[in-house]
Amino acid sequence: MLLDQRLFVELRLSNNGIVGDSAYYISRGEPGYDEMLERVGGLNPGEEKSIPPYR
């Protein structure tokens, strides 16, 4: 979480030797913000965590 409470998300997907990367910001109030915080178990400004794999 950045100091302004935006989330910076970096994702990587690999399947059959094909790799895709994505990076984006999520601001408070945007769709997915609360769900992402819940998924990583909460964050404080300046804190970083890995995103558990989706299954």
Protein backbone atom coordinates (compact mmCIF):
# COMPACT_ATOMS: atom_id res chain seq x y z
CA MET A 1 0.00 0.00 0.00
CA LEU A 2 1.32 3.39 -0.95
CA LEU A 3 1.35 6.21 1.60
CA ASP A 4 -1.75 7.73 -0.05
CA GLN A 5 -3.52 4.34 0.52
CA ARG A 6 -3.62 3.39 -3.18
CA LEU A 7 -2.77 -0.24 -3.88
CA PHE A 8 -0.10 -1.04 -6.46
CA VAL A 9 -0.77 -4.51 -7.84
CA GLU A 10 1.68 -6.54 -9.93
CA LEU A 11 0.44 -9.82 -11.36
CA ARG A 12 2.09 -12.58 -13.41
CA LEU A 13 0.33 -15.43 -15.16
CA SER A 14 2.10 -18.32 -16.82
CA ASN A 15 0.47 -21.17 -18.68
CA ASN A 16 2.07 -23.63 -21.10
CA GLY A 17 5.20 -21.50 -21.45
CA ILE A 18 3.28 -18.28 -22.13
CA VAL A 19 3.83 -15.52 -19.57
CA GLY A 20 1.76 -12.38 -19.07
CA ASP A 21 2.47 -9.51 -16.69
CA SER A 22 0.20 -6.73 -15.47
CA ALA A 23 0.60 -3.81 -13.09
CA TYR A 24 -2.02 -1.31 -11.98
CA TYR A 25 -3.16 0.99 -9.16
CA ILE A 26 -6.42 0.71 -7.23
CA SER A 27 -7.63 3.74 -5.27
CA ARG A 28 -9.92 3.67 -2.25
CA GLY A 29 -13.53 3.50 -3.35
CA GLU A 30 -12.75 1.78 -6.66
CA PRO A 31 -14.17 -1.65 -7.43
CA GLY A 32 -11.91 -4.40 -6.11
CA TYR A 33 -10.11 -2.28 -3.50
CA ASP A 34 -11.76 -3.80 -0.42
CA GLU A 35 -11.63 -7.31 -1.90
CA MET A 36 -7.88 -6.99 -2.55
CA LEU A 37 -7.23 -5.77 1.00
CA GLU A 38 -9.22 -8.70 2.35
CA ARG A 39 -7.37 -11.15 0.09
CA VAL A 40 -3.96 -10.11 1.47
CA GLY A 41 -5.17 -9.90 5.07
CA GLY A 42 -5.10 -6.10 5.29
CA LEU A 43 -2.32 -3.59 4.71
CA ASN A 44 -0.96 -0.48 6.35
CA PRO A 45 0.43 2.46 4.35
CA GLY A 46 3.97 1.59 3.24
CA GLU A 47 3.46 -2.16 3.77
CA GLU A 48 3.91 -4.75 1.00
CA LYS A 49 2.53 -8.30 0.79
CA SER A 50 2.33 -11.05 -1.79
CA ILE A 51 -1.07 -11.88 -3.24
CA PRO A 52 -2.05 -15.50 -2.54
CA PRO A 53 -2.66 -17.53 -5.73
CA TYR A 54 -6.21 -17.77 -7.03
CA ARG A 55 -7.43 -21.32 -7.35
